[in-house]
């Protein structure tokens, strides 16, 4: 099984992270932290035998039937 939600198919995504804001040191490279690659993982939980992300669990609990 992959690391993904079985309801909305949300999975690991990739992006960039920066430790300082863009305005630090007047946008000069000297004092700015470089951008590094990072992964964003969904908050997966086992719920009634399925792997669901926290967003889907909240939606399932709030459905009025």
PDB file of N, CA and C in Angstrom:
ATOM      1  N   UNK A   1       0.840  -1.188   0.000  1.00  0.00           N
ATOM      2  CA  UNK A   1       0.000   0.000   0.000  1.00  0.00           C
ATOM      3  C   UNK A   1       0.883   1.249   0.000  1.00  0.00           C
ATOM      4  N   UNK A   2       0.510   2.217  -0.787  1.00  0.00           N
ATOM      5  CA  UNK A   2       1.258   3.463  -0.821  1.00  0.00           C
ATOM      6  C   UNK A   2       0.783   4.373   0.312  1.00  0.00           C
ATOM      7  N   UNK A   3       1.566   5.410   0.548  1.00  0.00           N
ATOM      8  CA  UNK A   3       1.238   6.366   1.599  1.00  0.00           C
ATOM      9  C   UNK A   3       0.273   7.398   1.029  1.00  0.00           C
ATOM     10  N   UNK A   4      -1.007   7.002   0.913  1.00  0.00           N
ATOM     11  CA  UNK A   4      -2.010   7.914   0.364  1.00  0.00           C
ATOM     12  C   UNK A   4      -3.365   7.619   1.002  1.00  0.00           C
ATOM     13  N   UNK A   5      -4.235   8.619   0.949  1.00  0.00           N
ATOM     14  CA  UNK A   5      -5.586   8.495   1.485  1.00  0.00           C
ATOM     15  C   UNK A   5      -6.430   7.659   0.526  1.00  0.00           C
ATOM     16  N   UNK A   6      -7.225   6.743   1.064  1.00  0.00           N
ATOM     17  CA  UNK A   6      -8.049   5.883   0.222  1.00  0.00           C
ATOM     18  C   UNK A   6      -9.331   6.570  -0.241  1.00  0.00           C
ATOM     19  N   UNK A   7      -9.666   7.703   0.347  1.00  0.00           N
ATOM     20  CA  UNK A   7     -10.886   8.408  -0.034  1.00  0.00           C
ATOM     21  C   UNK A   7     -10.616   9.500  -1.071  1.00  0.00           C
ATOM     22  N   UNK A   8      -9.673  10.392  -0.785  1.00  0.00           N
ATOM     23  CA  UNK A   8      -9.415  11.519  -1.700  1.00  0.00           C
ATOM     24  C   UNK A   8      -8.105  11.353  -2.464  1.00  0.00           C
ATOM     25  N   UNK A   9      -7.372  10.279  -2.218  1.00  0.00           N
ATOM     26  CA  UNK A   9      -6.113   9.962  -2.909  1.00  0.00           C
ATOM     27  C   UNK A   9      -5.033  11.022  -2.699  1.00  0.00           C
ATOM     28  N   UNK A  10      -5.094  11.725  -1.561  1.00  0.00           N
ATOM     29  CA  UNK A  10      -4.041  12.679  -1.223  1.00  0.00           C
ATOM     30  C   UNK A  10      -2.783  11.894  -0.894  1.00  0.00           C
ATOM     31  N   UNK A  11      -1.629  12.323  -1.409  1.00  0.00           N
ATOM     32  CA  UNK A  11      -0.390  11.591  -1.191  1.00  0.00           C
ATOM     33  C   UNK A  11       0.755  12.567  -0.945  1.00  0.00           C
ATOM     34  N   UNK A  12       1.943  12.030  -0.773  1.00  0.00           N
ATOM     35  CA  UNK A  12       3.114  12.850  -0.514  1.00  0.00           C
ATOM     36  C   UNK A  12       3.366  13.789  -1.682  1.00  0.00           C
ATOM     37  N   UNK A  13       3.576  15.070  -1.367  1.00  0.00           N
ATOM     38  CA  UNK A  13       3.897  16.048  -2.405  1.00  0.00           C
ATOM     39  C   UNK A  13       5.236  16.692  -2.070  1.00  0.00           C
ATOM     40  N   UNK A  14       5.855  17.278  -3.072  1.00  0.00           N
ATOM     41  CA  UNK A  14       7.186  17.842  -2.911  1.00  0.00           C
ATOM     42  C   UNK A  14       7.144  19.343  -3.153  1.00  0.00           C
ATOM     43  N   UNK A  15       8.032  20.060  -2.468  1.00  0.00           N
ATOM     44  CA  UNK A  15       8.086  21.504  -2.641  1.00  0.00           C
ATOM     45  C   UNK A  15       9.373  22.053  -2.071  1.00  0.00           C
ATOM     46  N   UNK A  16       9.383  23.350  -1.852  1.00  0.00           N
ATOM     47  CA  UNK A  16      10.568  24.024  -1.336  1.00  0.00           C
ATOM     48  C   UNK A  16      10.263  24.603   0.032  1.00  0.00           C
ATOM     49  N   UNK A  17      11.272  24.671   0.876  1.00  0.00           N
ATOM     50  CA  UNK A  17      11.122  25.316   2.168  1.00  0.00           C
ATOM     51  C   UNK A  17      12.202  26.371   2.302  1.00  0.00           C
ATOM     52  N   UNK A  18      11.876  27.443   2.997  1.00  0.00           N
ATOM     53  CA  UNK A  18      12.805  28.533   3.206  1.00  0.00           C
ATOM     54  C   UNK A  18      12.740  28.900   4.678  1.00  0.00           C
ATOM     55  N   UNK A  19      13.891  28.994   5.343  1.00  0.00           N
ATOM     56  CA  UNK A  19      13.884  29.237   6.776  1.00  0.00           C
ATOM     57  C   UNK A  19      13.638  30.696   7.113  1.00  0.00           C
ATOM     58  N   UNK A  20      13.978  31.630   6.216  1.00  0.00           N
ATOM     59  CA  UNK A  20      13.755  33.048   6.458  1.00  0.00           C
ATOM     60  C   UNK A  20      12.761  33.580   5.446  1.00  0.00           C
ATOM     61  N   UNK A  21      12.140  34.697   5.790  1.00  0.00           N
ATOM     62  CA  UNK A  21      11.233  35.335   4.850  1.00  0.00           C
ATOM     63  C   UNK A  21      11.974  35.911   3.655  1.00  0.00           C
ATOM     64  N   UNK A  22      11.231  36.226   2.629  1.00  0.00           N
ATOM     65  CA  UNK A  22      11.847  36.708   1.393  1.00  0.00           C
ATOM     66  C   UNK A  22      12.467  38.092   1.553  1.00  0.00           C
ATOM     67  N   UNK A  23      12.031  38.878   2.530  1.00  0.00           N
ATOM     68  CA  UNK A  23      12.539  40.235   2.667  1.00  0.00           C
ATOM     69  C   UNK A  23      13.801  40.349   3.508  1.00  0.00           C
ATOM     70  N   UNK A  24      14.332  39.261   3.996  1.00  0.00           N
ATOM     71  CA  UNK A  24      15.504  39.307   4.868  1.00  0.00           C
ATOM     72  C   UNK A  24      16.715  39.767   4.073  1.00  0.00           C
ATOM     73  N   UNK A  25      17.456  40.715   4.612  1.00  0.00           N
ATOM     74  CA  UNK A  25      18.712  41.234   4.055  1.00  0.00           C
ATOM     75  C   UNK A  25      18.524  41.843   2.678  1.00  0.00           C
ATOM     76  N   UNK A  26      17.379  42.396   2.402  1.00  0.00           N
ATOM     77  CA  UNK A  26      17.164  43.109   1.148  1.00  0.00           C
ATOM     78  C   UNK A  26      17.305  42.244  -0.087  1.00  0.00           C
ATOM     79  N   UNK A  27      16.955  40.977   0.017  1.00  0.00           N
ATOM     80  CA  UNK A  27      17.008  40.004  -1.085  1.00  0.00           C
ATOM     81  C   UNK A  27      18.421  39.753  -1.600  1.00  0.00           C
ATOM     82  N   UNK A  28      19.416  40.034  -0.802  1.00  0.00           N
ATOM     83  CA  UNK A  28      20.783  39.695  -1.186  1.00  0.00           C
ATOM     84  C   UNK A  28      21.048  38.251  -0.791  1.00  0.00           C
ATOM     85  N   UNK A  29      21.922  37.574  -1.506  1.00  0.00           N
ATOM     86  CA  UNK A  29      22.228  36.180  -1.208  1.00  0.00           C
ATOM     87  C   UNK A  29      23.072  36.055   0.054  1.00  0.00           C
ATOM     88  N   UNK A  30      23.786  37.117   0.424  1.00  0.00           N
ATOM     89  CA  UNK A  30      24.767  37.052   1.505  1.00  0.00           C
ATOM     90  C   UNK A  30      24.169  36.522   2.813  1.00  0.00           C
ATOM     91  N   UNK A  31      23.057  37.101   3.266  1.00  0.00           N
ATOM     92  CA  UNK A  31      22.501  36.727   4.565  1.00  0.00           C
ATOM     93  C   UNK A  31      21.236  35.874   4.460  1.00  0.00           C
ATOM     94  N   UNK A  32      20.796  35.576   3.258  1.00  0.00           N
ATOM     95  CA  UNK A  32      19.559  34.813   3.112  1.00  0.00           C
ATOM     96  C   UNK A  32      19.839  33.321   3.160  1.00  0.00           C
ATOM     97  N   UNK A  33      18.903  32.581   3.713  1.00  0.00           N
ATOM     98  CA  UNK A  33      19.019  31.124   3.717  1.00  0.00           C
ATOM     99  C   UNK A  33      18.566  30.590   2.362  1.00  0.00           C
ATOM    100  N   UNK A  34      19.252  29.597   1.852  1.00  0.00           N
ATOM    101  CA  UNK A  34      18.896  29.025   0.561  1.00  0.00           C
ATOM    102  C   UNK A  34      17.645  28.160   0.691  1.00  0.00           C
ATOM    103  N   UNK A  35      16.952  27.982  -0.411  1.00  0.00           N
ATOM    104  CA  UNK A  35      15.772  27.126  -0.435  1.00  0.00           C
ATOM    105  C   UNK A  35      16.218  25.674  -0.482  1.00  0.00           C
ATOM    106  N   UNK A  36      15.539  24.831   0.273  1.00  0.00           N
ATOM    107  CA  UNK A  36      15.852  23.409   0.276  1.00  0.00           C
ATOM    108  C   UNK A  36      14.596  22.629  -0.087  1.00  0.00           C
ATOM    109  N   UNK A  37      14.785  21.462  -0.661  1.00  0.00           N
ATOM    110  CA  UNK A  37      13.663  20.603  -1.029  1.00  0.00           C
ATOM    111  C   UNK A  37      13.119  19.930   0.227  1.00  0.00           C
ATOM    112  N   UNK A  38      11.809  19.736   0.273  1.00  0.00           N
ATOM    113  CA  UNK A  38      11.193  19.024   1.382  1.00  0.00           C
ATOM    114  C   UNK A  38       9.950  18.299   0.894  1.00  0.00           C
ATOM    115  N   UNK A  39       9.439  17.405   1.743  1.00  0.00           N
ATOM    116  CA  UNK A  39       8.232  16.657   1.401  1.00  0.00           C
ATOM    117  C   UNK A  39       7.103  17.079   2.329  1.00  0.00           C
ATOM    118  N   UNK A  40       5.910  17.105   1.798  1.00  0.00           N
ATOM    119  CA  UNK A  40       4.712  17.378   2.573  1.00  0.00           C
ATOM    120  C   UNK A  40       3.898  16.091   2.596  1.00  0.00           C
ATOM    121  N   UNK A  41       3.692  15.524   3.786  1.00  0.00           N
ATOM    122  CA  UNK A  41       2.974  14.253   3.906  1.00  0.00           C
ATOM    123  C   UNK A  41       1.601  14.480   4.527  1.00  0.00           C
ATOM    124  N   UNK A  42       0.582  13.778   4.047  1.00  0.00           N
ATOM    125  CA  UNK A  42      -0.746  13.906   4.646  1.00  0.00           C
ATOM    126  C   UNK A  42      -0.789  13.221   6.011  1.00  0.00           C
ATOM    127  N   UNK A  43      -1.689  13.692   6.856  1.00  0.00           N
ATOM    128  CA  UNK A  43      -1.850  13.133   8.193  1.00  0.00           C
ATOM    129  C   UNK A  43      -2.769  11.913   8.094  1.00  0.00           C
ATOM    130  N   UNK A  44      -2.194  10.738   7.833  1.00  0.00           N
ATOM    131  CA  UNK A  44      -2.988   9.523   7.623  1.00  0.00           C
ATOM    132  C   UNK A  44      -3.246   8.797   8.936  1.00  0.00           C
ATOM    133  N   UNK A  45      -4.461   8.312   9.093  1.00  0.00           N
ATOM    134  CA  UNK A  45      -4.876   7.550  10.267  1.00  0.00           C
ATOM    135  C   UNK A  45      -5.685   6.345   9.789  1.00  0.00           C
ATOM    136  N   UNK A  46      -5.661   5.275  10.573  1.00  0.00           N
ATOM    137  CA  UNK A  46      -6.533   4.136  10.282  1.00  0.00           C
ATOM    138  C   UNK A  46      -7.911   4.433  10.879  1.00  0.00           C
ATOM    139  N   UNK A  47      -8.946   4.380  10.050  1.00  0.00           N
ATOM    140  CA  UNK A  47     -10.304   4.693  10.480  1.00  0.00           C
ATOM    141  C   UNK A  47     -11.237   3.676   9.844  1.00  0.00           C
ATOM    142  N   UNK A  48     -11.826   2.817  10.652  1.00  0.00           N
ATOM    143  CA  UNK A  48     -12.705   1.739  10.194  1.00  0.00           C
ATOM    144  C   UNK A  48     -12.026   0.872   9.139  1.00  0.00           C
ATOM    145  N   UNK A  49     -10.767   0.556   9.347  1.00  0.00           N
ATOM    146  CA  UNK A  49     -10.038  -0.330   8.448  1.00  0.00           C
ATOM    147  C   UNK A  49      -9.531   0.309   7.172  1.00  0.00           C
ATOM    148  N   UNK A  50      -9.635   1.626   7.064  1.00  0.00           N
ATOM    149  CA  UNK A  50      -9.144   2.331   5.874  1.00  0.00           C
ATOM    150  C   UNK A  50      -8.125   3.373   6.301  1.00  0.00           C
ATOM    151  N   UNK A  51      -7.174   3.639   5.402  1.00  0.00           N
ATOM    152  CA  UNK A  51      -6.219   4.718   5.635  1.00  0.00           C
ATOM    153  C   UNK A  51      -6.827   6.009   5.124  1.00  0.00           C
ATOM    154  N   UNK A  52      -7.160   6.930   6.039  1.00  0.00           N
ATOM    155  CA  UNK A  52      -7.775   8.192   5.653  1.00  0.00           C
ATOM    156  C   UNK A  52      -6.969   9.356   6.209  1.00  0.00           C
ATOM    157  N   UNK A  53      -6.972  10.469   5.477  1.00  0.00           N
ATOM    158  CA  UNK A  53      -6.312  11.667   5.985  1.00  0.00           C
ATOM    159  C   UNK A  53      -7.247  12.337   7.000  1.00  0.00           C
ATOM    160  N   UNK A  54      -6.687  13.215   7.808  1.00  0.00           N
ATOM    161  CA  UNK A  54      -7.458  13.861   8.868  1.00  0.00           C
ATOM    162  C   UNK A  54      -8.609  14.686   8.302  1.00  0.00           C
ATOM    163  N   UNK A  55      -8.418  15.282   7.132  1.00  0.00           N
ATOM    164  CA  UNK A  55      -9.482  16.076   6.511  1.00  0.00           C
ATOM    165  C   UNK A  55     -10.687  15.205   6.168  1.00  0.00           C
ATOM    166  N   UNK A  56     -10.436  14.021   5.613  1.00  0.00           N
ATOM    167  CA  UNK A  56     -11.539  13.119   5.250  1.00  0.00           C
ATOM    168  C   UNK A  56     -12.238  12.573   6.490  1.00  0.00           C
ATOM    169  N   UNK A  57     -11.495  12.315   7.554  1.00  0.00           N
ATOM    170  CA  UNK A  57     -12.113  11.830   8.794  1.00  0.00           C
ATOM    171  C   UNK A  57     -13.063  12.888   9.341  1.00  0.00           C
ATOM    172  N   UNK A  58     -12.637  14.162   9.315  1.00  0.00           N
ATOM    173  CA  UNK A  58     -13.501  15.245   9.787  1.00  0.00           C
ATOM    174  C   UNK A  58     -14.760  15.342   8.936  1.00  0.00           C
ATOM    175  N   UNK A  59     -14.622  15.192   7.620  1.00  0.00           N
ATOM    176  CA  UNK A  59     -15.781  15.273   6.731  1.00  0.00           C
ATOM    177  C   UNK A  59     -16.742  14.114   6.973  1.00  0.00           C
ATOM    178  N   UNK A  60     -16.212  12.904   7.204  1.00  0.00           N
ATOM    179  CA  UNK A  60     -17.075  11.746   7.438  1.00  0.00           C
ATOM    180  C   UNK A  60     -17.818  11.866   8.760  1.00  0.00           C
ATOM    181  N   UNK A  61     -17.170  12.445   9.768  1.00  0.00           N
ATOM    182  CA  UNK A  61     -17.827  12.595  11.065  1.00  0.00           C
ATOM    183  C   UNK A  61     -18.902  13.671  11.039  1.00  0.00           C
ATOM    184  N   UNK A  62     -18.793  14.636  10.130  1.00  0.00           N
ATOM    185  CA  UNK A  62     -19.744  15.742  10.081  1.00  0.00           C
ATOM    186  C   UNK A  62     -20.923  15.499   9.156  1.00  0.00           C
ATOM    187  N   UNK A  63     -20.943  14.394   8.416  1.00  0.00           N
ATOM    188  CA  UNK A  63     -22.060  14.161   7.504  1.00  0.00           C
ATOM    189  C   UNK A  63     -23.326  13.873   8.298  1.00  0.00           C
ATOM    190  N   UNK A  64     -24.379  14.566   7.958  1.00  0.00           N
ATOM    191  CA  UNK A  64     -25.664  14.372   8.632  1.00  0.00           C
ATOM    192  C   UNK A  64     -26.485  13.376   7.816  1.00  0.00           C
ATOM    193  N   UNK A  65     -26.887  12.278   8.455  1.00  0.00           N
ATOM    194  CA  UNK A  65     -27.668  11.299   7.705  1.00  0.00           C
ATOM    195  C   UNK A  65     -28.922  10.898   8.443  1.00  0.00           C
TER     196      UNK A  65
END
